[in-house]
């Protein structure tokens, strides 16, 4: 069977039979576009998201890779589509009230958490992350949600959540799943890619309190938009900058460290800082829900 595998794409082993099937698909649809062919492949292979939408962008990238490597021949592109991510300008700075808030947590309650993706507040979120988070703003891919936290109608914090990285050794060992389980179960994990308390907000214990509030709400919001729940949260903490104190105080679990190598690093050489991996189960039976999903 291994000799029959041509390549691997996003965890999927592609066989000679798969290549033959796609070549037949192209031959049987001689007058359609690449875009239409990707949709036909999704239908044939049942490549759908949890919300029922076709995974046509994944299929398009897959077919383009096969075309470039000479395994299939796609029809010429009918139009040149501009990539919105090329030459994307960073979010501009938006003026905010930066009056220092130095008080106790009880004094700023009640807090309001708003999901701001695809709302008029998303530009404010992007600006705050770009200009006040040390990593800046990076347009997330895949499933994603953005939150802003308000105290007395004033923004005090931001959270960005996105699809989980495909492979994290310490996380995968903690969950206890095999490769097949991981491929099926990744959709039930959300990755906390950005967490920002605005620098003029000085409130002890606020960070761990907000993590707790997020844990109570995010699965419901995720299911509302993407038609599936979440069972596990995860994040990376740069050990050269932070101790992860708020995650520890919020009852997150330290799972281990990254190797310091990027996902495309082939020489097993450390190219970036070590990250501590923290996880948070949203249900007691998360393993049974995620293994064999």
C-alpha atoms as a PDB file:
ATOM      1  CA  UNK A   1       0.000   0.000   0.000  1.00  0.00           C
ATOM      2  CA  UNK A   2       2.826   2.411   0.866  1.00  0.00           C
ATOM      3  CA  UNK A   3       4.306   1.983  -2.636  1.00  0.00           C
ATOM      4  CA  UNK A   4       0.938   3.093  -4.022  1.00  0.00           C
ATOM      5  CA  UNK A   5       1.077   6.470  -2.254  1.00  0.00           C
ATOM      6  CA  UNK A   6       2.118   9.324  -4.543  1.00  0.00           C
ATOM      7  CA  UNK A   7       2.184  12.140  -1.990  1.00  0.00           C
ATOM      8  CA  UNK A   8       0.598  13.426   1.194  1.00  0.00           C
ATOM      9  CA  UNK A   9      -1.462  16.620   1.267  1.00  0.00           C
ATOM     10  CA  UNK A  10      -2.731  18.113   4.540  1.00  0.00           C
ATOM     11  CA  UNK A  11      -2.546  14.689   6.170  1.00  0.00           C
ATOM     12  CA  UNK A  12      -4.266  12.826   3.321  1.00  0.00           C
ATOM     13  CA  UNK A  13      -2.341  10.061   1.564  1.00  0.00           C
ATOM     14  CA  UNK A  14      -2.902  10.337  -2.192  1.00  0.00           C
ATOM     15  CA  UNK A  15      -2.747   7.076  -4.150  1.00  0.00           C
ATOM     16  CA  UNK A  16      -2.392   6.223  -7.833  1.00  0.00           C
ATOM     17  CA  UNK A  17      -6.104   5.412  -7.859  1.00  0.00           C
ATOM     18  CA  UNK A  18      -6.868   8.893  -6.505  1.00  0.00           C
ATOM     19  CA  UNK A  19      -4.808  10.449  -9.300  1.00  0.00           C
ATOM     20  CA  UNK A  20      -6.608   8.331 -11.899  1.00  0.00           C
ATOM     21  CA  UNK A  21      -9.980   9.340 -10.456  1.00  0.00           C
ATOM     22  CA  UNK A  22      -9.135  13.051 -10.665  1.00  0.00           C
ATOM     23  CA  UNK A  23      -7.840  12.694 -14.220  1.00  0.00           C
ATOM     24  CA  UNK A  24     -11.127  11.041 -15.169  1.00  0.00           C
ATOM     25  CA  UNK A  25     -13.025  13.811 -13.390  1.00  0.00           C
ATOM     26  CA  UNK A  26     -11.198  16.452 -15.422  1.00  0.00           C
ATOM     27  CA  UNK A  27     -11.703  14.516 -18.673  1.00  0.00           C
ATOM     28  CA  UNK A  28     -15.429  14.115 -18.021  1.00  0.00           C
ATOM     29  CA  UNK A  29     -15.877  17.865 -17.431  1.00  0.00           C
ATOM     30  CA  UNK A  30     -13.946  19.375 -20.373  1.00  0.00           C
ATOM     31  CA  UNK A  31     -15.704  22.733 -20.438  1.00  0.00           C
ATOM     32  CA  UNK A  32     -15.754  23.739 -16.781  1.00  0.00           C
ATOM     33  CA  UNK A  33     -13.418  25.968 -14.800  1.00  0.00           C
ATOM     34  CA  UNK A  34     -10.868  24.955 -12.178  1.00  0.00           C
ATOM     35  CA  UNK A  35     -13.215  26.419  -9.588  1.00  0.00           C
ATOM     36  CA  UNK A  36     -16.048  24.158 -10.746  1.00  0.00           C
ATOM     37  CA  UNK A  37     -13.754  21.129 -10.828  1.00  0.00           C
ATOM     38  CA  UNK A  38     -12.746  21.680  -7.200  1.00  0.00           C
ATOM     39  CA  UNK A  39     -16.412  21.674  -6.221  1.00  0.00           C
ATOM     40  CA  UNK A  40     -17.023  18.466  -8.164  1.00  0.00           C
ATOM     41  CA  UNK A  41     -14.107  16.813  -6.355  1.00  0.00           C
ATOM     42  CA  UNK A  42     -15.506  17.920  -2.987  1.00  0.00           C
ATOM     43  CA  UNK A  43     -18.870  16.365  -3.839  1.00  0.00           C
ATOM     44  CA  UNK A  44     -17.286  13.138  -5.063  1.00  0.00           C
ATOM     45  CA  UNK A  45     -15.055  12.730  -2.005  1.00  0.00           C
ATOM     46  CA  UNK A  46     -17.484  14.254   0.481  1.00  0.00           C
ATOM     47  CA  UNK A  47     -15.026  17.009   1.424  1.00  0.00           C
ATOM     48  CA  UNK A  48     -17.314  19.168   3.515  1.00  0.00           C
ATOM     49  CA  UNK A  49     -16.965  21.312   6.609  1.00  0.00           C
ATOM     50  CA  UNK A  50     -18.987  20.644   9.733  1.00  0.00           C
ATOM     51  CA  UNK A  51     -21.429  23.372   8.659  1.00  0.00           C
ATOM     52  CA  UNK A  52     -22.049  21.575   5.358  1.00  0.00           C
ATOM     53  CA  UNK A  53     -20.060  23.940   3.125  1.00  0.00           C
ATOM     54  CA  UNK A  54     -17.746  22.387   0.556  1.00  0.00           C
ATOM     55  CA  UNK A  55     -14.024  22.529   1.322  1.00  0.00           C
ATOM     56  CA  UNK A  56     -13.410  23.851  -2.169  1.00  0.00           C
ATOM     57  CA  UNK A  57     -10.430  26.051  -1.221  1.00  0.00           C
ATOM     58  CA  UNK A  58      -8.624  22.980   0.124  1.00  0.00           C
ATOM     59  CA  UNK A  59      -9.588  21.025  -2.993  1.00  0.00           C
ATOM     60  CA  UNK A  60      -8.399  23.857  -5.239  1.00  0.00           C
ATOM     61  CA  UNK A  61      -5.001  23.966  -3.547  1.00  0.00           C
ATOM     62  CA  UNK A  62      -4.763  20.177  -3.708  1.00  0.00           C
ATOM     63  CA  UNK A  63      -5.568  20.013  -7.417  1.00  0.00           C
ATOM     64  CA  UNK A  64      -3.189  22.868  -8.193  1.00  0.00           C
ATOM     65  CA  UNK A  65      -0.375  21.003  -6.416  1.00  0.00           C
ATOM     66  CA  UNK A  66      -1.094  17.875  -8.461  1.00  0.00           C
ATOM     67  CA  UNK A  67      -1.140  19.981 -11.632  1.00  0.00           C
ATOM     68  CA  UNK A  68       2.175  21.677 -10.857  1.00  0.00           C
ATOM     69  CA  UNK A  69       3.832  18.346 -10.079  1.00  0.00           C
ATOM     70  CA  UNK A  70       2.614  16.847 -13.358  1.00  0.00           C
ATOM     71  CA  UNK A  71       0.164  14.286 -11.952  1.00  0.00           C
ATOM     72  CA  UNK A  72      -2.901  15.873 -13.576  1.00  0.00           C
ATOM     73  CA  UNK A  73      -3.548  18.518 -16.223  1.00  0.00           C
ATOM     74  CA  UNK A  74      -6.005  21.239 -15.313  1.00  0.00           C
ATOM     75  CA  UNK A  75      -7.667  23.509 -17.870  1.00  0.00           C
ATOM     76  CA  UNK A  76      -6.107  26.955 -18.252  1.00  0.00           C
ATOM     77  CA  UNK A  77      -7.289  29.474 -15.632  1.00  0.00           C
ATOM     78  CA  UNK A  78     -10.151  31.577 -16.960  1.00  0.00           C
ATOM     79  CA  UNK A  79      -9.303  34.647 -14.953  1.00  0.00           C
ATOM     80  CA  UNK A  80      -6.532  35.881 -12.700  1.00  0.00           C
ATOM     81  CA  UNK A  81      -7.940  36.230  -9.213  1.00  0.00           C
ATOM     82  CA  UNK A  82      -6.295  38.801  -7.022  1.00  0.00           C
ATOM     83  CA  UNK A  83      -5.047  37.381  -3.756  1.00  0.00           C
ATOM     84  CA  UNK A  84      -6.475  39.604  -0.988  1.00  0.00           C
ATOM     85  CA  UNK A  85      -3.642  38.569   1.358  1.00  0.00           C
ATOM     86  CA  UNK A  86      -0.856  39.830  -0.900  1.00  0.00           C
ATOM     87  CA  UNK A  87       0.308  43.344  -0.062  1.00  0.00           C
ATOM     88  CA  UNK A  88      -2.333  43.579   2.642  1.00  0.00           C
ATOM     89  CA  UNK A  89      -1.799  46.797   4.573  1.00  0.00           C
ATOM     90  CA  UNK A  90      -1.682  46.501   8.378  1.00  0.00           C
ATOM     91  CA  UNK A  91      -4.705  47.777  10.293  1.00  0.00           C
ATOM     92  CA  UNK A  92      -4.437  51.527  10.922  1.00  0.00           C
ATOM     93  CA  UNK A  93      -4.274  52.829  14.466  1.00  0.00           C
ATOM     94  CA  UNK A  94      -7.626  53.942  15.844  1.00  0.00           C
ATOM     95  CA  UNK A  95      -7.709  56.518  18.600  1.00  0.00           C
ATOM     96  CA  UNK A  96      -8.855  55.088  21.926  1.00  0.00           C
ATOM     97  CA  UNK A  97      -9.368  56.400  25.421  1.00  0.00           C
ATOM     98  CA  UNK A  98      -6.091  55.412  27.097  1.00  0.00           C
ATOM     99  CA  UNK A  99      -6.879  56.747  30.538  1.00  0.00           C
ATOM    100  CA  UNK A 100      -5.188  54.516  33.099  1.00  0.00           C
ATOM    101  CA  UNK A 101      -7.509  52.094  34.881  1.00  0.00           C
ATOM    102  CA  UNK A 102      -5.848  50.835  38.054  1.00  0.00           C
ATOM    103  CA  UNK A 103      -8.355  49.206  40.352  1.00  0.00           C
ATOM    104  CA  UNK A 104      -9.760  45.941  41.690  1.00  0.00           C
ATOM    105  CA  UNK A 105     -11.624  43.438  39.532  1.00  0.00           C
ATOM    106  CA  UNK A 106     -14.868  43.937  41.443  1.00  0.00           C
ATOM    107  CA  UNK A 107     -14.828  47.647  40.602  1.00  0.00           C
ATOM    108  CA  UNK A 108     -15.027  47.135  36.834  1.00  0.00           C
ATOM    109  CA  UNK A 109     -17.758  44.498  36.794  1.00  0.00           C
ATOM    110  CA  UNK A 110     -20.006  43.615  35.096  1.00  0.00           C
ATOM    111  CA  UNK A 111     -17.904  42.711  32.082  1.00  0.00           C
ATOM    112  CA  UNK A 112     -19.351  42.201  28.620  1.00  0.00           C
ATOM    113  CA  UNK A 113     -17.786  39.855  26.072  1.00  0.00           C
ATOM    114  CA  UNK A 114     -18.724  40.563  22.458  1.00  0.00           C
ATOM    115  CA  UNK A 115     -17.960  38.358  19.469  1.00  0.00           C
ATOM    116  CA  UNK A 116     -16.902  40.961  16.891  1.00  0.00           C
ATOM    117  CA  UNK A 117     -15.980  38.983  13.776  1.00  0.00           C
ATOM    118  CA  UNK A 118     -17.911  40.395  10.804  1.00  0.00           C
ATOM    119  CA  UNK A 119     -19.229  43.312  12.853  1.00  0.00           C
ATOM    120  CA  UNK A 120     -18.448  47.018  12.744  1.00  0.00           C
ATOM    121  CA  UNK A 121     -16.200  46.515  15.797  1.00  0.00           C
ATOM    122  CA  UNK A 122     -13.840  44.123  14.016  1.00  0.00           C
ATOM    123  CA  UNK A 123     -11.726  47.007  12.685  1.00  0.00           C
ATOM    124  CA  UNK A 124     -11.209  48.222  16.249  1.00  0.00           C
ATOM    125  CA  UNK A 125     -10.175  44.713  17.299  1.00  0.00           C
ATOM    126  CA  UNK A 126      -7.681  44.432  14.423  1.00  0.00           C
ATOM    127  CA  UNK A 127      -6.214  47.841  15.229  1.00  0.00           C
ATOM    128  CA  UNK A 128      -5.774  47.083  18.927  1.00  0.00           C
ATOM    129  CA  UNK A 129      -4.020  43.793  18.200  1.00  0.00           C
ATOM    130  CA  UNK A 130      -1.795  45.367  15.550  1.00  0.00           C
ATOM    131  CA  UNK A 131      -0.634  48.263  17.706  1.00  0.00           C
ATOM    132  CA  UNK A 132      -0.654  46.824  21.240  1.00  0.00           C
ATOM    133  CA  UNK A 133       0.123  43.088  20.959  1.00  0.00           C
ATOM    134  CA  UNK A 134       3.802  42.193  20.595  1.00  0.00           C
ATOM    135  CA  UNK A 135       3.059  39.856  17.671  1.00  0.00           C
ATOM    136  CA  UNK A 136       0.867  42.347  15.850  1.00  0.00           C
ATOM    137  CA  UNK A 137      -2.147  41.438  13.747  1.00  0.00           C
ATOM    138  CA  UNK A 138      -2.089  38.418  11.443  1.00  0.00           C
ATOM    139  CA  UNK A 139      -5.144  37.526   9.413  1.00  0.00           C
ATOM    140  CA  UNK A 140      -6.312  34.145  10.756  1.00  0.00           C
ATOM    141  CA  UNK A 141      -7.269  31.263   8.484  1.00  0.00           C
ATOM    142  CA  UNK A 142      -9.804  28.497   8.914  1.00  0.00           C
ATOM    143  CA  UNK A 143     -12.465  28.640  11.581  1.00  0.00           C
ATOM    144  CA  UNK A 144     -12.017  31.697  13.775  1.00  0.00           C
ATOM    145  CA  UNK A 145     -13.706  34.001  16.265  1.00  0.00           C
ATOM    146  CA  UNK A 146     -12.696  37.397  17.616  1.00  0.00           C
ATOM    147  CA  UNK A 147     -13.797  38.779  20.965  1.00  0.00           C
ATOM    148  CA  UNK A 148     -13.582  42.127  22.676  1.00  0.00           C
ATOM    149  CA  UNK A 149     -14.177  42.557  26.394  1.00  0.00           C
ATOM    150  CA  UNK A 150     -15.869  45.715  27.620  1.00  0.00           C
ATOM    151  CA  UNK A 151     -16.098  47.271  31.066  1.00  0.00           C
ATOM    152  CA  UNK A 152     -18.639  50.062  31.340  1.00  0.00           C
ATOM    153  CA  UNK A 153     -18.798  50.131  27.534  1.00  0.00           C
ATOM    154  CA  UNK A 154     -15.036  50.657  27.248  1.00  0.00           C
ATOM    155  CA  UNK A 155     -12.749  48.065  25.543  1.00  0.00           C
ATOM    156  CA  UNK A 156     -10.298  46.473  27.962  1.00  0.00           C
ATOM    157  CA  UNK A 157      -9.187  43.197  26.318  1.00  0.00           C
ATOM    158  CA  UNK A 158      -9.152  41.159  23.097  1.00  0.00           C
ATOM    159  CA  UNK A 159      -9.147  37.431  22.308  1.00  0.00           C
ATOM    160  CA  UNK A 160      -8.537  35.752  18.964  1.00  0.00           C
ATOM    161  CA  UNK A 161      -9.364  32.063  18.498  1.00  0.00           C
ATOM    162  CA  UNK A 162      -8.708  29.970  15.408  1.00  0.00           C
ATOM    163  CA  UNK A 163      -8.404  26.422  14.120  1.00  0.00           C
ATOM    164  CA  UNK A 164      -5.844  24.309  15.955  1.00  0.00           C
ATOM    165  CA  UNK A 165      -2.410  23.450  14.499  1.00  0.00           C
ATOM    166  CA  UNK A 166      -2.469  20.011  12.892  1.00  0.00           C
ATOM    167  CA  UNK A 167       0.237  18.425  15.017  1.00  0.00           C
ATOM    168  CA  UNK A 168       1.502  19.339  18.475  1.00  0.00           C
ATOM    169  CA  UNK A 169       3.351  16.434  20.043  1.00  0.00           C
ATOM    170  CA  UNK A 170       2.667  17.230  23.706  1.00  0.00           C
ATOM    171  CA  UNK A 171      -1.015  17.920  23.064  1.00  0.00           C
ATOM    172  CA  UNK A 172      -1.504  14.799  21.002  1.00  0.00           C
ATOM    173  CA  UNK A 173       0.167  12.686  23.686  1.00  0.00           C
ATOM    174  CA  UNK A 174      -2.019  14.243  26.393  1.00  0.00           C
ATOM    175  CA  UNK A 175      -5.220  13.557  24.477  1.00  0.00           C
ATOM    176  CA  UNK A 176      -4.011  10.081  23.571  1.00  0.00           C
ATOM    177  CA  UNK A 177      -5.232   9.917  20.013  1.00  0.00           C
ATOM    178  CA  UNK A 178      -3.701   8.309  16.935  1.00  0.00           C
ATOM    179  CA  UNK A 179      -3.282   9.965  13.546  1.00  0.00           C
ATOM    180  CA  UNK A 180      -6.768   9.029  12.357  1.00  0.00           C
ATOM    181  CA  UNK A 181      -8.360  10.328  15.555  1.00  0.00           C
ATOM    182  CA  UNK A 182      -6.351  13.541  15.298  1.00  0.00           C
ATOM    183  CA  UNK A 183      -7.459  14.246  11.731  1.00  0.00           C
ATOM    184  CA  UNK A 184     -11.102  13.814  12.715  1.00  0.00           C
ATOM    185  CA  UNK A 185     -10.866  15.480  16.112  1.00  0.00           C
ATOM    186  CA  UNK A 186      -8.909  18.665  15.373  1.00  0.00           C
ATOM    187  CA  UNK A 187     -12.113  20.538  14.605  1.00  0.00           C
ATOM    188  CA  UNK A 188     -13.062  20.272  18.292  1.00  0.00           C
ATOM    189  CA  UNK A 189     -10.018  22.291  19.426  1.00  0.00           C
ATOM    190  CA  UNK A 190      -9.715  26.084  19.335  1.00  0.00           C
ATOM    191  CA  UNK A 191      -6.321  27.760  19.460  1.00  0.00           C
ATOM    192  CA  UNK A 192      -5.959  31.002  21.432  1.00  0.00           C
ATOM    193  CA  UNK A 193      -3.749  32.839  18.937  1.00  0.00           C
ATOM    194  CA  UNK A 194      -3.954  36.283  20.569  1.00  0.00           C
ATOM    195  CA  UNK A 195      -4.792  37.447  24.100  1.00  0.00           C
ATOM    196  CA  UNK A 196      -4.381  41.118  24.867  1.00  0.00           C
ATOM    197  CA  UNK A 197      -5.231  43.142  27.937  1.00  0.00           C
ATOM    198  CA  UNK A 198      -4.805  46.739  26.874  1.00  0.00           C
ATOM    199  CA  UNK A 199      -1.667  48.249  28.418  1.00  0.00           C
ATOM    200  CA  UNK A 200      -3.524  51.012  30.272  1.00  0.00           C
ATOM    201  CA  UNK A 201      -5.712  48.456  32.072  1.00  0.00           C
ATOM    202  CA  UNK A 202      -4.072  47.432  35.377  1.00  0.00           C
ATOM    203  CA  UNK A 203      -6.474  45.109  37.183  1.00  0.00           C
ATOM    204  CA  UNK A 204      -5.097  42.196  39.252  1.00  0.00           C
ATOM    205  CA  UNK A 205      -6.494  38.746  38.378  1.00  0.00           C
ATOM    206  CA  UNK A 206      -8.305  40.100  35.310  1.00  0.00           C
ATOM    207  CA  UNK A 207      -6.528  37.797  32.839  1.00  0.00           C
ATOM    208  CA  UNK A 208      -7.387  34.521  34.572  1.00  0.00           C
ATOM    209  CA  UNK A 209     -10.944  35.750  35.172  1.00  0.00           C
ATOM    210  CA  UNK A 210     -11.390  36.453  31.455  1.00  0.00           C
ATOM    211  CA  UNK A 211     -10.016  33.040  30.524  1.00  0.00           C
ATOM    212  CA  UNK A 212     -12.682  31.509  32.726  1.00  0.00           C
ATOM    213  CA  UNK A 213     -15.430  33.556  31.090  1.00  0.00           C
ATOM    214  CA  UNK A 214     -14.223  32.576  27.633  1.00  0.00           C
ATOM    215  CA  UNK A 215     -14.230  28.894  28.544  1.00  0.00           C
ATOM    216  CA  UNK A 216     -17.901  29.160  29.516  1.00  0.00           C
ATOM    217  CA  UNK A 217     -19.013  30.816  26.282  1.00  0.00           C
ATOM    218  CA  UNK A 218     -16.814  29.891  23.353  1.00  0.00           C
ATOM    219  CA  UNK A 219     -18.169  26.421  22.529  1.00  0.00           C
ATOM    220  CA  UNK A 220     -21.719  27.752  22.248  1.00  0.00           C
ATOM    221  CA  UNK A 221     -20.586  30.574  19.959  1.00  0.00           C
ATOM    222  CA  UNK A 222     -18.472  28.216  17.860  1.00  0.00           C
ATOM    223  CA  UNK A 223     -21.335  25.782  17.362  1.00  0.00           C
ATOM    224  CA  UNK A 224     -23.683  28.604  16.405  1.00  0.00           C
ATOM    225  CA  UNK A 225     -21.379  29.652  13.550  1.00  0.00           C
ATOM    226  CA  UNK A 226     -19.603  26.417  12.551  1.00  0.00           C
ATOM    227  CA  UNK A 227     -22.193  23.786  13.517  1.00  0.00           C
ATOM    228  CA  UNK A 228     -19.964  21.850  15.878  1.00  0.00           C
ATOM    229  CA  UNK A 229     -18.931  22.308  19.522  1.00  0.00           C
ATOM    230  CA  UNK A 230     -15.493  22.616  21.087  1.00  0.00           C
ATOM    231  CA  UNK A 231     -14.109  20.222  23.681  1.00  0.00           C
ATOM    232  CA  UNK A 232     -10.600  21.577  24.189  1.00  0.00           C
ATOM    233  CA  UNK A 233      -8.725  24.894  24.143  1.00  0.00           C
ATOM    234  CA  UNK A 234      -4.997  25.376  23.650  1.00  0.00           C
ATOM    235  CA  UNK A 235      -2.391  28.099  23.386  1.00  0.00           C
ATOM    236  CA  UNK A 236       1.350  28.740  23.157  1.00  0.00           C
ATOM    237  CA  UNK A 237       3.213  30.945  25.631  1.00  0.00           C
ATOM    238  CA  UNK A 238       6.594  32.344  24.604  1.00  0.00           C
ATOM    239  CA  UNK A 239       8.867  31.248  27.455  1.00  0.00           C
ATOM    240  CA  UNK A 240      11.371  34.005  26.683  1.00  0.00           C
ATOM    241  CA  UNK A 241       8.723  36.623  27.442  1.00  0.00           C
ATOM    242  CA  UNK A 242       6.103  35.159  29.771  1.00  0.00           C
ATOM    243  CA  UNK A 243       5.603  32.618  32.539  1.00  0.00           C
ATOM    244  CA  UNK A 244       2.029  31.689  31.659  1.00  0.00           C
ATOM    245  CA  UNK A 245       0.869  32.756  35.120  1.00  0.00           C
ATOM    246  CA  UNK A 246      -2.658  33.687  34.056  1.00  0.00           C
ATOM    247  CA  UNK A 247      -3.195  30.327  32.341  1.00  0.00           C
ATOM    248  CA  UNK A 248      -1.974  28.499  35.413  1.00  0.00           C
ATOM    249  CA  UNK A 249      -4.239  30.619  37.623  1.00  0.00           C
ATOM    250  CA  UNK A 250      -7.119  29.895  35.241  1.00  0.00           C
ATOM    251  CA  UNK A 251      -6.630  26.125  35.764  1.00  0.00           C
ATOM    252  CA  UNK A 252      -5.145  25.499  32.352  1.00  0.00           C
ATOM    253  CA  UNK A 253      -2.850  22.479  32.133  1.00  0.00           C
ATOM    254  CA  UNK A 254       0.802  22.708  31.153  1.00  0.00           C
ATOM    255  CA  UNK A 255       1.308  20.046  28.475  1.00  0.00           C
ATOM    256  CA  UNK A 256       4.974  20.516  27.566  1.00  0.00           C
ATOM    257  CA  UNK A 257       7.116  22.642  25.263  1.00  0.00           C
ATOM    258  CA  UNK A 258       7.496  23.040  21.537  1.00  0.00           C
ATOM    259  CA  UNK A 259      10.784  22.096  19.912  1.00  0.00           C
ATOM    260  CA  UNK A 260      11.479  25.590  18.603  1.00  0.00           C
ATOM    261  CA  UNK A 261      11.219  24.383  15.014  1.00  0.00           C
ATOM    262  CA  UNK A 262       8.659  25.630  12.530  1.00  0.00           C
ATOM    263  CA  UNK A 263       6.276  23.233  10.807  1.00  0.00           C
ATOM    264  CA  UNK A 264       8.340  23.375   7.608  1.00  0.00           C
ATOM    265  CA  UNK A 265      11.752  22.972   9.255  1.00  0.00           C
ATOM    266  CA  UNK A 266      13.385  19.844   7.781  1.00  0.00           C
ATOM    267  CA  UNK A 267      16.837  19.998   9.375  1.00  0.00           C
ATOM    268  CA  UNK A 268      15.720  19.596  13.007  1.00  0.00           C
ATOM    269  CA  UNK A 269      17.333  22.911  13.907  1.00  0.00           C
ATOM    270  CA  UNK A 270      15.842  25.328  16.446  1.00  0.00           C
ATOM    271  CA  UNK A 271      14.801  28.437  14.516  1.00  0.00           C
ATOM    272  CA  UNK A 272      12.489  30.199  16.966  1.00  0.00           C
ATOM    273  CA  UNK A 273      11.810  30.587  20.662  1.00  0.00           C
ATOM    274  CA  UNK A 274      10.509  27.704  22.762  1.00  0.00           C
ATOM    275  CA  UNK A 275       6.786  27.899  23.496  1.00  0.00           C
ATOM    276  CA  UNK A 276       5.064  26.383  26.513  1.00  0.00           C
ATOM    277  CA  UNK A 277       1.927  24.506  25.466  1.00  0.00           C
ATOM    278  CA  UNK A 278      -1.133  24.982  27.667  1.00  0.00           C
ATOM    279  CA  UNK A 279      -4.468  23.202  27.307  1.00  0.00           C
ATOM    280  CA  UNK A 280      -7.921  23.445  28.828  1.00  0.00           C
ATOM    281  CA  UNK A 281     -10.538  20.657  28.550  1.00  0.00           C
ATOM    282  CA  UNK A 282     -14.058  22.062  28.231  1.00  0.00           C
ATOM    283  CA  UNK A 283     -15.730  18.807  29.286  1.00  0.00           C
ATOM    284  CA  UNK A 284     -14.697  16.020  31.629  1.00  0.00           C
ATOM    285  CA  UNK A 285     -15.233  13.407  28.924  1.00  0.00           C
ATOM    286  CA  UNK A 286     -13.325  15.334  26.250  1.00  0.00           C
ATOM    287  CA  UNK A 287     -11.189  12.327  25.350  1.00  0.00           C
ATOM    288  CA  UNK A 288     -14.125  10.049  24.589  1.00  0.00           C
ATOM    289  CA  UNK A 289     -15.717  12.821  22.531  1.00  0.00           C
ATOM    290  CA  UNK A 290     -12.546  13.495  20.524  1.00  0.00           C
ATOM    291  CA  UNK A 291     -11.215   9.957  20.082  1.00  0.00           C
ATOM    292  CA  UNK A 292     -13.128   8.041  17.455  1.00  0.00           C
ATOM    293  CA  UNK A 293     -15.101  11.191  16.627  1.00  0.00           C
END
